[in-house]
Protein backbone atom coordinates (compact mmCIF):
# COMPACT_ATOMS: atom_id res chain seq x y z
CA LEU A 1 69.68 2.14 -133.57
CA THR A 2 73.15 1.27 -134.81
CA ARG A 3 71.81 -0.06 -138.10
CA LEU A 4 69.09 2.54 -138.56
CA ASP A 5 69.26 4.25 -141.95
CA TYR A 6 68.90 7.83 -140.73
CA PRO A 7 71.52 10.58 -140.25
CA LYS A 8 72.79 10.00 -136.74
CA ASP A 9 73.99 13.58 -136.45
CA ARG A 10 70.31 14.58 -136.67
CA ILE A 11 69.39 12.38 -133.69
CA SER A 12 69.65 13.34 -130.03
CA LEU A 13 69.47 10.40 -127.64
CA TRP A 14 67.75 10.60 -124.26
CA ILE A 15 68.52 7.41 -122.33
CA ARG A 16 67.38 6.36 -118.86
CA SER A 17 68.13 3.03 -117.17
CA ASP A 18 67.75 2.10 -113.50
CA HIS A 19 66.66 -0.63 -111.06
CA ASN A 20 68.30 -3.34 -113.18
CA VAL A 21 69.04 -6.91 -112.13
CA ASP A 22 70.92 -7.72 -115.34
CA ASN A 23 73.77 -6.20 -117.37
CA SER A 24 71.73 -3.38 -118.91
CA ILE A 25 74.01 -0.62 -117.63
CA GLU A 26 77.18 -2.37 -118.79
CA VAL A 27 75.66 -3.01 -122.22
CA LEU A 28 74.61 0.63 -122.59
CA GLU A 29 77.97 1.95 -121.45
CA ARG A 30 79.87 -0.20 -123.91
CA TRP A 31 77.50 0.70 -126.74
CA LEU A 32 77.78 4.41 -125.93
CA LYS A 33 81.55 4.24 -125.81
CA ILE A 34 81.59 3.09 -129.43
CA ASN A 35 78.65 5.06 -130.82
CA GLU A 36 78.01 8.28 -128.89
CA LYS A 37 80.37 10.28 -131.13
CA PHE A 38 78.03 9.76 -134.09
CA TYR A 39 74.97 11.43 -132.52
CA HIS A 40 74.00 15.09 -132.28
CA SER A 41 73.78 14.89 -128.49
CA ILE A 42 73.29 12.37 -125.71
CA ASP A 43 71.45 12.89 -122.43
CA LYS A 44 71.93 9.80 -120.27
CA LEU A 45 71.26 8.80 -116.69
CA LEU A 46 72.38 5.26 -115.91
CA ILE A 47 71.85 4.26 -112.28
CA SER A 48 73.57 1.02 -111.30
CA SER A 49 71.70 0.42 -108.05
CA ASP A 50 69.45 -2.64 -108.11
CA ASP A 51 67.29 -1.37 -105.22
CA GLN A 52 63.69 -2.44 -105.52
CA ILE A 53 60.96 0.10 -106.14
CA GLU A 54 58.60 0.60 -103.20
CA GLY A 55 56.09 -2.22 -103.01
CA GLU A 56 57.84 -4.31 -105.65
CA GLU A 57 57.60 -8.08 -105.08
CA GLY A 58 59.68 -9.20 -108.06
CA ILE A 59 61.32 -8.00 -111.25
CA ALA A 60 58.05 -8.17 -113.19
CA HIS A 61 55.75 -6.78 -110.51
CA TRP A 62 54.18 -3.38 -111.19
CA PRO A 63 53.14 -1.67 -107.93
CA PRO A 64 51.79 1.93 -108.10
CA ALA A 65 55.26 3.34 -107.40
CA ARG A 66 56.63 1.68 -110.53
CA TYR A 67 53.91 3.23 -112.67
CA SER A 68 54.68 6.60 -111.06
CA HIS A 69 58.36 6.21 -111.88
CA MET A 70 57.61 5.30 -115.50
CA ILE A 71 55.16 8.19 -115.85
CA SER A 72 57.81 10.59 -114.54
CA LEU A 73 60.48 9.33 -116.95
CA ARG A 74 58.25 9.43 -120.01
CA GLU A 75 56.96 12.91 -119.16
CA GLU A 76 60.53 14.13 -118.67
CA ALA A 77 61.46 12.78 -122.11
CA LEU A 78 58.50 14.58 -123.67
CA ARG A 79 59.38 17.88 -121.95
CA THR A 80 63.03 17.54 -122.97
CA ALA A 81 62.13 17.00 -126.62
CA ARG A 82 59.89 20.09 -126.58
CA PHE A 83 62.58 22.16 -124.88
CA LYS A 84 65.09 21.16 -127.56
CA TRP A 85 62.63 22.15 -130.29
CA ALA A 86 62.86 18.66 -131.71
CA ASP A 87 60.67 17.99 -134.73
CA TYR A 88 59.89 14.47 -133.57
CA LEU A 89 60.13 12.33 -130.45
CA TRP A 90 60.54 8.61 -130.98
CA ALA A 91 59.62 6.95 -127.68
CA LEU A 92 61.35 3.59 -127.92
CA ASP A 93 61.34 0.97 -125.16
CA CYS A 94 64.35 -1.27 -124.54
CA ASP A 95 62.44 -4.51 -125.18
CA VAL A 96 61.83 -3.53 -128.82
CA PHE A 97 63.89 -4.84 -131.73
CA ILE A 98 63.65 -2.64 -134.83
CA THR A 99 64.74 -4.90 -137.70
CA ASN A 100 63.76 -2.66 -140.61
CA PRO A 101 66.53 -0.06 -141.02
CA ASP A 102 64.15 2.30 -142.85
CA THR A 103 61.63 2.39 -140.00
CA LEU A 104 62.21 5.98 -138.85
CA LYS A 105 62.20 7.41 -142.37
CA LYS A 106 59.05 5.52 -143.27
CA LEU A 107 57.23 6.59 -140.10
CA ILE A 108 58.04 10.24 -140.80
CA LEU A 109 56.72 9.86 -144.35
CA LYS A 110 53.38 8.63 -142.96
CA ASN A 111 52.76 12.27 -141.97
CA GLN A 112 50.76 11.34 -138.87
CA TYR A 113 50.78 13.17 -135.54
CA VAL A 114 51.23 9.95 -133.53
CA VAL A 115 52.29 6.84 -135.44
CA ALA A 116 53.72 3.46 -134.48
CA PRO A 117 55.17 0.57 -136.46
CA MET A 118 53.39 -2.68 -135.68
CA LEU A 119 55.70 -4.93 -133.71
CA ARG A 120 55.35 -8.69 -133.74
CA SER A 121 56.04 -11.13 -130.92
CA ASP A 122 56.07 -14.92 -130.63
CA GLY A 123 52.36 -14.88 -129.83
CA LEU A 124 49.34 -12.59 -129.94
CA TYR A 125 50.97 -9.76 -128.02
CA SER A 126 51.81 -6.56 -129.88
CA ASN A 127 52.21 -2.82 -129.30
CA PHE A 128 48.64 -1.75 -130.04
CA TRP A 129 45.06 -2.17 -128.94
CA CYS A 130 42.05 -2.28 -131.24
CA GLY A 131 39.55 -1.73 -128.46
CA MET A 132 39.33 0.21 -125.20
CA THR A 133 36.64 -0.07 -122.54
CA SER A 134 34.71 2.89 -121.14
CA ASP A 135 37.12 2.91 -118.18
CA TYR A 136 40.12 2.89 -120.55
CA TYR A 137 41.32 -0.70 -120.22
CA TYR A 138 42.07 -3.24 -122.95
CA GLN A 139 39.12 -4.62 -124.89
CA ARG A 140 39.33 -7.62 -127.22
CA THR A 141 37.92 -7.02 -130.71
CA ASP A 142 37.56 -8.91 -133.99
CA ASP A 143 39.73 -6.31 -135.73
CA TYR A 144 42.88 -7.20 -133.80
CA ALA A 145 43.94 -10.51 -135.38
CA PRO A 146 43.64 -9.42 -139.05
CA ILE A 147 45.88 -6.42 -138.32
CA LEU A 148 48.34 -8.45 -136.23
CA ASN A 149 48.58 -11.18 -138.89
CA ARG A 150 48.88 -8.54 -141.64
CA LYS A 151 45.84 -9.80 -143.50
CA ASN A 152 44.60 -6.22 -143.29
CA LYS A 153 47.67 -4.21 -144.30
CA GLY A 154 48.13 -0.47 -144.19
CA CYS A 155 47.91 2.23 -141.55
CA HIS A 156 45.06 1.93 -139.05
CA VAL A 157 43.59 4.33 -136.51
CA VAL A 158 43.55 2.52 -133.16
CA PRO A 159 42.84 3.60 -129.57
CA MET A 160 46.29 2.65 -128.28
CA VAL A 161 49.90 2.35 -129.45
CA HIS A 162 52.91 1.93 -127.21
CA SER A 163 56.53 0.71 -126.93
CA SER A 164 57.63 2.36 -130.20
CA VAL A 165 55.80 5.62 -130.92
CA LEU A 166 56.77 8.54 -133.16
CA ILE A 167 55.27 11.89 -132.09
CA ASP A 168 55.22 14.90 -134.41
CA LEU A 169 56.08 17.83 -132.12
CA ARG A 170 55.77 20.42 -134.89
CA VAL A 171 51.98 20.54 -134.60
CA ALA A 172 50.35 22.66 -131.92
CA ALA A 173 48.00 19.88 -130.83
CA SER A 174 50.99 17.85 -129.61
CA ASP A 175 51.44 20.38 -126.77
CA TYR A 176 48.51 18.69 -125.01
CA LEU A 177 49.98 15.20 -125.13
CA THR A 178 51.03 13.89 -121.74
CA TYR A 179 51.84 10.76 -119.76
CA GLU A 180 50.86 12.42 -116.48
CA PRO A 181 47.29 11.57 -115.35
CA ASN A 182 47.06 14.69 -113.16
CA LEU A 183 47.46 16.90 -116.23
CA LEU A 184 44.24 15.63 -117.78
CA GLN A 185 41.69 18.22 -116.72
CA ASN A 186 38.26 16.96 -115.65
CA ASP A 187 39.16 13.40 -116.59
CA VAL A 188 39.94 10.44 -114.34
CA VAL A 189 42.10 7.73 -115.90
CA PRO A 190 44.02 4.77 -114.46
CA HIS A 191 47.45 5.52 -113.00
CA ASP A 192 49.16 4.26 -116.15
CA ASP A 193 51.53 5.98 -118.57
CA ILE A 194 50.35 4.53 -121.88
CA ILE A 195 46.65 4.79 -121.06
CA THR A 196 47.10 8.43 -120.04
CA PHE A 197 48.99 9.20 -123.25
CA ALA A 198 46.28 7.55 -125.35
CA ARG A 199 43.57 9.48 -123.54
CA SER A 200 45.44 12.78 -123.95
CA ALA A 201 45.68 12.13 -127.69
CA ASN A 202 41.96 11.42 -127.85
CA ILE A 203 41.09 14.61 -125.95
CA SER A 204 43.40 16.61 -128.24
CA GLY A 205 41.77 15.25 -131.37
CA ILE A 206 44.92 13.35 -132.36
CA ASN A 207 44.58 9.94 -133.96
CA MET A 208 46.89 7.14 -132.90
CA THR A 209 47.97 5.38 -136.08
CA LEU A 210 49.47 1.91 -136.38
CA CYS A 211 51.20 0.81 -139.60
CA ASN A 212 51.67 -2.83 -140.56
CA ASP A 213 52.38 -2.29 -144.26
CA GLU A 214 55.88 -3.68 -143.71
CA ILE A 215 57.62 -5.83 -141.12
CA TYR A 216 59.24 -3.20 -138.91
CA GLY A 217 60.34 -5.12 -135.87
CA TYR A 218 59.50 -7.19 -132.82
CA VAL A 219 58.67 -6.78 -129.16
CA MET A 220 59.15 -9.04 -126.17
CA VAL A 221 56.12 -10.49 -124.42
CA PRO A 222 56.04 -8.88 -120.94
CA LEU A 223 56.82 -11.07 -117.97
CA GLU A 224 54.07 -12.02 -115.56
CA LYS A 225 54.31 -10.94 -111.93
CA ASP A 226 56.08 -14.04 -110.60
CA ASP A 227 58.32 -14.73 -113.62
CA GLN A 228 62.08 -14.75 -113.20
CA LEU A 229 64.81 -13.32 -115.42
CA SER A 230 65.68 -16.82 -116.65
CA TYR A 231 62.20 -17.02 -118.19
CA ASP A 232 62.89 -13.82 -120.10
CA PHE A 233 65.94 -15.45 -121.70
CA LEU A 234 63.70 -18.25 -122.95
CA GLN A 235 61.20 -15.73 -124.30
CA LEU A 236 64.04 -13.92 -126.06
CA ARG A 237 64.97 -17.18 -127.76
CA ASN A 238 61.34 -17.60 -128.85
CA LEU A 239 61.43 -14.15 -130.37
CA LYS A 240 64.75 -14.73 -132.13
CA LEU A 241 63.29 -17.86 -133.74
CA GLU A 242 60.23 -15.89 -134.83
CA VAL A 243 62.44 -13.24 -136.43
CA LEU A 244 64.14 -15.95 -138.50
CA VAL A 245 60.84 -16.89 -140.17
CA ASP A 246 60.86 -13.66 -142.17
CA GLY A 247 64.25 -12.07 -141.70
CA THR A 248 67.88 -12.30 -140.75
CA PRO A 249 69.10 -13.33 -137.30
CA LEU A 250 69.02 -10.90 -134.39
CA GLU A 251 72.76 -10.64 -133.91
CA ALA A 252 74.60 -8.51 -131.40
CA GLU A 253 77.47 -6.30 -132.48
CA ASP A 254 80.84 -8.00 -131.92
CA TYR A 255 81.73 -5.66 -129.07
CA LEU A 256 78.56 -6.74 -127.23
CA SER A 257 78.91 -10.49 -127.79
CA THR A 258 80.39 -11.05 -124.32
CA PHE A 259 77.02 -10.18 -122.80
CA ILE A 260 75.15 -12.94 -124.63
CA LYS A 261 73.79 -15.60 -122.28
CA ASP A 262 72.24 -18.79 -123.59
CA PRO A 263 69.62 -20.62 -121.52
CA ASN A 264 71.22 -23.40 -119.52
CA GLU A 265 69.48 -26.61 -120.51
CA GLY A 266 70.28 -30.20 -121.40
CA ARG A 267 70.39 -31.55 -124.94
CA ILE A 268 67.36 -33.24 -126.44
CA ALA A 269 67.74 -36.96 -125.79
CA VAL A 270 67.87 -38.40 -129.31
CA ASP A 271 70.78 -40.14 -131.02
CA LYS A 272 70.73 -37.84 -134.02
CA VAL A 273 68.80 -34.96 -135.56
CA PHE A 274 68.43 -34.98 -139.36
CA MET A 275 67.40 -31.93 -141.36
CA ILE A 276 66.35 -32.50 -144.99
CA ASN A 277 67.13 -29.69 -147.43
CA LEU A 278 67.45 -29.27 -151.18
CA LYS A 279 70.85 -27.93 -152.20
CA ARG A 280 69.14 -25.43 -154.48
CA ARG A 281 67.32 -23.93 -151.51
CA PRO A 282 70.21 -22.33 -149.57
CA ASP A 283 67.81 -19.76 -148.09
CA ARG A 284 65.89 -22.47 -146.28
CA ARG A 285 69.10 -24.20 -145.23
CA LYS A 286 70.49 -21.03 -143.69
CA ARG A 287 67.28 -20.26 -141.84
CA MET A 288 67.09 -23.77 -140.42
CA VAL A 289 70.76 -23.83 -139.46
CA ASP A 290 70.37 -20.46 -137.73
CA SER A 291 67.24 -21.70 -135.94
CA LEU A 292 68.83 -24.96 -134.82
CA ASN A 293 71.94 -23.12 -133.66
CA GLU A 294 69.72 -20.83 -131.61
CA LEU A 295 68.13 -23.91 -130.07
CA GLN A 296 71.61 -25.41 -129.53
CA ILE A 297 70.57 -28.53 -131.44
CA GLU A 298 73.39 -30.32 -133.24
CA THR A 299 72.11 -31.36 -136.65
CA THR A 300 73.10 -33.50 -139.60
CA ILE A 301 72.04 -31.88 -142.87
CA VAL A 302 70.69 -34.38 -145.39
CA ASP A 303 70.83 -33.29 -149.02
CA ALA A 304 67.33 -33.96 -150.28
CA VAL A 305 66.75 -36.00 -153.41
CA ASP A 306 65.83 -33.37 -155.98
CA GLY A 307 62.74 -34.24 -158.01
CA GLN A 308 64.00 -32.03 -160.83
CA LEU A 309 66.89 -34.48 -161.33
CA LEU A 310 64.69 -37.57 -161.48
CA ASN A 311 63.48 -39.22 -164.68
CA ASP A 312 62.20 -42.63 -165.77
CA SER A 313 65.65 -44.15 -166.13
CA VAL A 314 66.66 -42.99 -162.64
CA LEU A 315 63.43 -44.38 -161.19
CA GLU A 316 64.02 -47.70 -162.94
CA LYS A 317 67.58 -47.86 -161.64
CA LEU A 318 66.32 -47.27 -158.09
CA GLY A 319 63.63 -49.92 -158.45
CA ILE A 320 60.81 -47.43 -158.02
CA ASN A 321 57.31 -48.31 -159.22
CA LEU A 322 54.26 -46.09 -158.84
CA MET A 323 51.33 -47.41 -156.87
CA PRO A 324 48.66 -48.43 -159.43
CA GLY A 325 45.70 -46.08 -159.48
CA TYR A 326 47.18 -43.47 -157.16
CA LYS A 327 45.83 -39.93 -157.55
CA ASP A 328 46.38 -37.06 -155.16
CA PRO A 329 43.20 -36.83 -153.03
CA TYR A 330 43.10 -33.04 -153.26
CA HIS A 331 44.45 -32.19 -156.72
CA LYS A 332 43.26 -35.43 -158.42
CA ARG A 333 46.58 -35.77 -160.25
CA PRO A 334 49.30 -38.44 -160.49
CA MET A 335 52.30 -38.37 -158.19
CA LYS A 336 54.89 -35.68 -158.86
CA LEU A 337 58.64 -36.17 -159.14
CA GLY A 338 59.11 -33.77 -156.25
CA GLU A 339 57.00 -36.07 -154.08
CA ILE A 340 59.15 -39.03 -155.09
CA GLY A 341 62.25 -37.01 -154.19
CA CYS A 342 60.70 -36.16 -150.83
CA PHE A 343 59.90 -39.83 -150.16
CA LEU A 344 63.44 -40.90 -151.06
CA SER A 345 64.90 -38.25 -148.76
CA HIS A 346 63.01 -39.71 -145.81
CA TYR A 347 63.64 -43.26 -146.99
CA ASN A 348 67.41 -42.69 -146.98
CA ILE A 349 67.22 -41.53 -143.37
CA TRP A 350 65.23 -44.61 -142.39
CA LYS A 351 67.96 -46.75 -143.93
CA GLU A 352 70.66 -44.92 -141.98
CA VAL A 353 68.74 -45.37 -138.73
CA VAL A 354 68.68 -49.13 -139.31
CA ASP A 355 72.24 -49.36 -140.64
CA GLN A 356 73.67 -47.38 -137.72
CA GLU A 357 71.27 -48.95 -135.19
CA TYR A 358 70.16 -45.61 -133.77
CA ASP A 359 67.72 -46.04 -130.91
CA ARG A 360 65.72 -42.91 -131.78
CA VAL A 361 66.21 -39.91 -134.03
CA MET A 362 64.49 -36.65 -134.92
CA VAL A 363 63.72 -35.93 -138.57
CA LEU A 364 63.02 -32.35 -139.68
CA GLU A 365 62.16 -30.82 -143.02
CA ASP A 366 63.48 -27.38 -143.90
CA ASP A 367 60.23 -25.42 -143.76
CA VAL A 368 59.37 -25.75 -140.07
CA ARG A 369 58.47 -23.08 -137.58
CA PHE A 370 59.49 -24.05 -134.06
CA GLU A 371 56.83 -23.45 -131.46
CA PRO A 372 57.76 -21.23 -128.48
CA PHE A 373 59.67 -23.12 -125.78
CA PHE A 374 60.44 -25.91 -128.25
CA ASN A 375 63.27 -27.43 -126.21
CA GLN A 376 61.24 -27.41 -123.01
CA LYS A 377 58.32 -29.06 -124.82
CA MET A 378 60.63 -31.72 -126.23
CA HIS A 379 62.06 -32.52 -122.80
CA SER A 380 58.54 -32.89 -121.38
CA LEU A 381 57.48 -35.03 -124.34
CA LEU A 382 60.49 -37.33 -124.11
CA ASP A 383 60.02 -37.71 -120.36
CA GLU A 384 56.47 -38.92 -120.97
CA MET A 385 57.63 -41.28 -123.70
CA LYS A 386 60.07 -42.92 -121.29
CA ARG A 387 57.15 -43.83 -119.04
CA LEU A 388 55.00 -45.42 -121.74
CA SER A 389 53.95 -49.02 -121.09
CA PHE A 390 54.48 -49.95 -124.76
CA LYS A 391 57.08 -49.41 -127.45
CA TRP A 392 56.46 -46.56 -129.87
CA ASP A 393 57.59 -46.40 -133.50
CA LEU A 394 56.90 -42.85 -134.68
CA VAL A 395 55.81 -39.62 -133.00
CA TYR A 396 54.68 -36.67 -135.09
CA LEU A 397 56.04 -33.32 -133.92
CA GLY A 398 54.28 -31.38 -136.68
CA ARG A 399 51.49 -32.46 -139.02
CA LYS A 400 48.14 -31.58 -140.55
CA ARG A 401 45.38 -33.54 -138.86
CA LEU A 402 42.76 -34.57 -141.43
CA GLU A 403 40.13 -36.14 -139.20
CA GLU A 404 37.64 -33.86 -137.49
CA ARG A 405 37.02 -36.17 -134.57
CA SER A 406 39.25 -35.70 -131.57
CA GLU A 407 42.14 -38.08 -131.15
CA GLU A 408 42.44 -40.16 -128.02
CA LEU A 409 44.96 -39.11 -125.41
CA VAL A 410 47.53 -41.80 -124.67
CA GLU A 411 46.73 -43.14 -121.22
CA GLY A 412 48.90 -41.70 -118.48
CA THR A 413 50.18 -38.79 -120.61
CA ARG A 414 49.34 -35.11 -121.07
CA PHE A 415 51.16 -34.39 -124.33
CA LEU A 416 50.64 -37.49 -126.50
CA VAL A 417 47.70 -38.67 -128.60
CA TRP A 418 47.15 -41.65 -130.89
CA ALA A 419 47.76 -40.22 -134.36
CA GLY A 420 44.88 -40.25 -136.82
CA TYR A 421 45.03 -39.71 -140.57
CA SER A 422 47.56 -36.92 -141.05
CA TYR A 423 49.37 -34.98 -143.75
CA TRP A 424 52.86 -33.49 -143.73
CA THR A 425 56.16 -34.88 -142.51
CA LEU A 426 57.45 -31.58 -141.11
CA GLY A 427 59.08 -33.31 -138.19
CA TYR A 428 58.85 -36.55 -136.27
CA LEU A 429 60.65 -38.82 -133.85
CA LEU A 430 61.49 -42.26 -135.20
CA SER A 431 62.67 -45.34 -133.31
CA TYR A 432 64.90 -48.11 -134.65
CA ARG A 433 61.93 -50.45 -134.61
CA GLY A 434 59.81 -47.90 -136.46
CA ALA A 435 62.44 -47.45 -139.19
CA THR A 436 62.66 -51.22 -139.56
CA LYS A 437 58.90 -51.45 -140.10
CA LEU A 438 58.91 -48.62 -142.64
CA LEU A 439 61.60 -50.34 -144.69
CA ALA A 440 60.23 -53.86 -144.35
CA GLN A 441 57.17 -53.01 -146.46
CA LYS A 442 59.42 -52.27 -149.48
CA PRO A 443 57.61 -49.01 -150.23
CA LEU A 444 59.61 -48.22 -153.38
CA GLU A 445 57.81 -51.05 -155.15
CA ASN A 446 54.46 -49.25 -154.76
CA ILE A 447 55.46 -45.71 -154.00
CA LEU A 448 53.10 -42.91 -153.02
CA PRO A 449 53.75 -39.66 -151.11
CA VAL A 450 55.45 -40.21 -147.78
CA ASP A 451 52.68 -38.48 -145.83
CA GLU A 452 50.18 -40.95 -147.33
CA TYR A 453 52.47 -43.93 -146.67
CA LEU A 454 52.82 -43.31 -142.94
CA PRO A 455 49.06 -43.35 -142.12
CA ILE A 456 48.68 -46.53 -144.17
CA LEU A 457 51.27 -48.27 -142.02
CA TYR A 458 49.61 -47.25 -138.76
CA ASP A 459 46.26 -48.23 -140.30
CA LYS A 460 44.52 -44.87 -140.16
CA HIS A 461 44.23 -44.23 -143.89
CA PRO A 462 40.73 -44.07 -145.43
CA GLU A 463 41.73 -45.44 -148.88
CA GLU A 464 41.18 -49.20 -148.72
CA GLU A 465 42.61 -49.79 -152.22
CA TRP A 466 45.92 -48.21 -151.25
CA LYS A 467 46.05 -50.04 -147.93
CA ALA A 468 45.71 -53.35 -149.76
CA PHE A 469 49.25 -52.94 -151.11
CA TYR A 470 50.55 -52.94 -147.52
CA PRO A 471 48.85 -55.76 -145.59
CA ILE A 472 51.10 -55.41 -142.53
CA ARG A 473 49.99 -52.18 -140.87
CA ASP A 474 51.34 -52.31 -137.33
CA LEU A 475 53.32 -49.06 -137.01
CA ILE A 476 52.74 -47.56 -133.53
CA ALA A 477 52.26 -43.87 -134.32
CA LEU A 478 51.61 -41.12 -131.79
CA SER A 479 51.58 -37.35 -132.03
CA ALA A 480 52.64 -34.51 -129.80
CA GLU A 481 49.59 -32.56 -128.64
CA PRO A 482 49.88 -29.63 -128.81
CA LEU A 483 52.22 -29.80 -131.78
CA ALA A 484 55.81 -28.64 -131.44
CA LEU A 485 56.27 -27.67 -135.11
CA TYR A 486 54.27 -25.88 -137.79
CA PRO A 487 55.07 -24.87 -141.38
CA THR A 488 56.77 -21.52 -141.88
CA ARG A 489 54.03 -20.78 -144.41
CA PHE A 490 50.59 -22.23 -144.98
CA LEU A 491 49.18 -22.64 -148.47
CA VAL A 492 47.09 -19.46 -148.28
CA TRP A 493 49.87 -17.29 -146.85
CA ALA A 494 51.98 -14.86 -148.84
CA GLY A 495 55.39 -16.33 -149.58
CA TYR A 496 54.21 -19.94 -149.63
CA PHE A 497 56.25 -22.15 -151.96
CA SER A 498 56.31 -25.93 -152.37
CA ASP A 499 59.21 -27.77 -153.98
CA THR A 500 57.03 -30.85 -154.44
CA GLU A 501 54.09 -29.06 -156.06
CA ASP A 502 56.49 -27.09 -158.28
CA SER A 503 57.58 -30.25 -160.11
CA ARG A 504 56.14 -32.23 -162.98
CA THR A 505 53.88 -35.23 -162.59
CA VAL A 506 55.08 -38.74 -163.40
CA THR A 507 53.27 -39.74 -166.58
CA THR A 508 55.21 -42.93 -167.24
CA THR A 509 56.52 -45.67 -165.02
CA PRO A 510 59.35 -48.19 -165.36
CA ASN A 511 56.96 -51.01 -164.40
CA PRO A 512 55.58 -52.44 -167.67
CA GLU A 513 52.65 -54.01 -165.82
CA LEU A 514 51.25 -50.61 -164.86
């Protein structure tokens, strides 16, 4: 609200908060102290008591009395807006983060009776339904994912929107909208506020419209019945990382910073975390630094070797020779300078691991998307690795698996498989022994892309001619399963950009024998 681009003196706030087990009241009071003077009016009722609602078995449990309480509050807000002759009511829940400052203006311009901005989460949850059963409950449909993933952009008529809903009160039909089930004549609906509202809109001939033409904001995934507040903090971190994929960090105002609580967890047990980034890509660097700070992971930034600065004389000076006969399996082209730069960036880290005698490190590229609960997954993964009956060399955290057949689970583990032929070096764990093996093969003398080199060394590469250049193929390579990292963008997604593909191919080589 603070950063919303809309005249605040044209906004009246109606705020209700009660039955809290956190600092919600204190946060609201401090925010209001700074900001209430800017608004047309404020109607607030902040009840500090943390008494449980009748029948409640936990903070995320929804007994009938809790639904009744929510129905009463929402209906009161609707009545108040009508009484004030407001043009619009924006029903906004507290677990929503509006990141687009133009959201309210853009929703008004949609000129719809009931309209909602699509809100993203760290999973498949959102603030709309695409299907509703005959008894008014959620129904899964094939239309949901394309709208959620914004493959089908625009404004869509759906049977349900919630959490952030703009209602046009200027139209007569809006008088029949309600959250109160008992006000629906000759209709029996579940005792539920959002279902009742959706049904009242349907009866009144009002479409519920969801717009995903822009990224408007995000919503928290609701807690399950037995979840604790500490789990919500972890989910908030997941959401903050998701926001960073497309936007700027979710940052609290300075006067609210004292309320920030970070999850209490131990550091990831590696000697060092390296993050590879091109200096000319400060956008990626900032996003990764913000993400790693959010995860409380201390990181060493490695300036990537820039393929745009490489030429034949530089390659000759570094002792780099292209592998004879190499052509990219997909594009059928020679190796690109960007791919050589990428290899050298990883190679330099391998050298540091050996020189500094690090036991194990984490290597990350700058285009990774951290999976939800990344730290917790890493702790579980590392715990399993400690119990292995053999020494490992490399563990993929993110990759593109190229073999259709399933990979064998490492005996005695739940989260590790024997890695098959894979692309990408998004992120991996590397041991001292693994780095030694990678360097011992002198890969600069017959260089090829790093994500082709690794499968050759653990003997899972299908190209026999390439493997012949590296007769010792004893790297012990595993993979996290499920993966802990993915790319921020896939090739077919909008916004995809590759620094290796956007470089020229190597048409000459310093090796006169080639």
